């Protein structure tokens, strides 16, 4: 592999790893800004996320308390795992905030 190809591969990998993404469902209460999530877990998907169906049972997490916010996040470490595994593993971090 030439030096130019290696440099390009490193730049592409760094671009993929640094690309974090977050999807947030907020009920209007802004509890998340001042408190850590009530529950957090890494969910594992395969082949870039094409395989795997992960559900979070918020009733089990929060019990009788109200769900304030849910979040699915592709963190730096999630992206790093995906790059190191050549996209075979594609984890995402799930978070839930309860009242």
Protein backbone atom coordinates (compact mmCIF):
# COMPACT_ATOMS: atom_id res chain seq x y z
CA UNK A 1 0.00 0.00 0.00
CA UNK A 2 1.46 3.35 -0.97
CA UNK A 3 1.93 6.21 1.47
CA UNK A 4 -0.79 8.18 -0.27
CA UNK A 5 -3.28 5.31 0.04
CA UNK A 6 -2.42 4.84 3.73
CA UNK A 7 -2.91 8.54 4.38
CA UNK A 8 -6.27 8.47 2.63
CA UNK A 9 -7.35 5.38 4.61
CA UNK A 10 -6.39 7.05 7.91
CA UNK A 11 -8.25 10.25 7.02
CA UNK A 12 -11.36 8.30 6.01
CA UNK A 13 -11.27 6.25 9.23
CA UNK A 14 -10.87 9.37 11.34
CA UNK A 15 -13.78 10.97 9.50
CA UNK A 16 -16.02 7.99 10.18
CA UNK A 17 -15.01 7.72 13.83
CA UNK A 18 -15.42 11.43 14.51
CA UNK A 19 -18.93 11.49 13.04
CA UNK A 20 -21.15 11.25 16.10
CA UNK A 21 -24.91 11.37 15.75
CA UNK A 22 -27.73 11.67 18.26
CA UNK A 23 -31.50 11.22 17.99
CA UNK A 24 -33.42 12.61 20.96
CA UNK A 25 -37.08 12.33 21.91
CA UNK A 26 -37.84 14.99 24.51
CA UNK A 27 -41.16 15.47 26.32
CA UNK A 28 -40.45 19.14 26.99
CA UNK A 29 -38.85 18.78 30.43
CA UNK A 30 -35.17 19.59 30.21
CA UNK A 31 -33.96 17.24 32.93
CA UNK A 32 -31.16 15.83 30.77
CA UNK A 33 -29.17 19.05 30.90
CA UNK A 34 -28.68 18.82 34.64
CA UNK A 35 -28.74 15.10 35.37
CA UNK A 36 -27.21 11.89 34.04
CA UNK A 37 -29.55 9.38 32.38
CA UNK A 38 -31.52 7.02 34.57
CA UNK A 39 -30.50 4.11 32.33
CA UNK A 40 -27.84 3.68 29.65
CA UNK A 41 -26.79 0.67 27.60
CA UNK A 42 -24.94 -0.12 24.39
CA UNK A 43 -27.07 -1.96 21.83
CA UNK A 44 -25.28 -4.12 19.27
CA UNK A 45 -26.14 -4.20 15.57
CA UNK A 46 -24.45 -5.99 12.68
CA UNK A 47 -23.30 -4.94 9.21
CA UNK A 48 -23.60 -1.18 9.60
CA UNK A 49 -26.89 -1.45 11.48
CA UNK A 50 -28.76 -3.46 8.86
CA UNK A 51 -29.20 -6.43 11.20
CA UNK A 52 -30.45 -6.18 14.73
CA UNK A 53 -33.68 -4.97 16.21
CA UNK A 54 -33.20 -3.54 19.67
CA UNK A 55 -36.03 -2.29 21.82
CA UNK A 56 -35.80 -0.47 25.12
CA UNK A 57 -38.68 -1.23 27.48
CA UNK A 58 -39.10 2.18 29.10
CA UNK A 59 -41.88 0.80 31.33
CA UNK A 60 -39.36 -1.57 32.85
CA UNK A 61 -36.68 1.14 33.11
CA UNK A 62 -38.88 3.85 34.65
CA UNK A 63 -41.57 1.78 36.32
CA UNK A 64 -44.41 4.08 37.37
CA UNK A 65 -42.35 7.24 36.78
CA UNK A 66 -42.85 9.36 33.66
CA UNK A 67 -40.35 9.04 30.80
CA UNK A 68 -38.79 12.47 30.35
CA UNK A 69 -36.47 11.71 27.43
CA UNK A 70 -35.06 8.92 25.29
CA UNK A 71 -31.91 9.11 23.21
CA UNK A 72 -30.09 6.95 20.68
CA UNK A 73 -26.52 8.03 20.18
CA UNK A 74 -23.60 7.01 18.00
CA UNK A 75 -20.74 7.92 20.32
CA UNK A 76 -17.05 8.15 19.50
CA UNK A 77 -16.41 4.71 21.00
CA UNK A 78 -19.37 3.25 19.05
CA UNK A 79 -17.84 4.62 15.83
CA UNK A 80 -14.40 3.34 16.76
CA UNK A 81 -15.75 -0.18 17.32
CA UNK A 82 -17.51 0.00 13.96
CA UNK A 83 -14.34 1.09 12.15
CA UNK A 84 -12.09 -1.47 13.87
CA UNK A 85 -14.57 -4.27 13.00
CA UNK A 86 -14.83 -3.00 9.39
CA UNK A 87 -18.54 -2.29 9.91
CA UNK A 88 -19.43 -5.80 11.02
CA UNK A 89 -20.32 -4.49 14.49
CA UNK A 90 -22.28 -1.25 14.63
CA UNK A 91 -23.16 -0.42 18.24
CA UNK A 92 -25.36 2.49 19.35
CA UNK A 93 -25.77 3.83 22.85
CA UNK A 94 -29.31 4.08 24.22
CA UNK A 95 -30.24 6.37 27.12
CA UNK A 96 -33.46 6.94 29.06
CA UNK A 97 -34.28 9.70 31.55
CA UNK A 98 -37.10 9.16 34.05
CA UNK A 99 -38.90 11.80 36.11
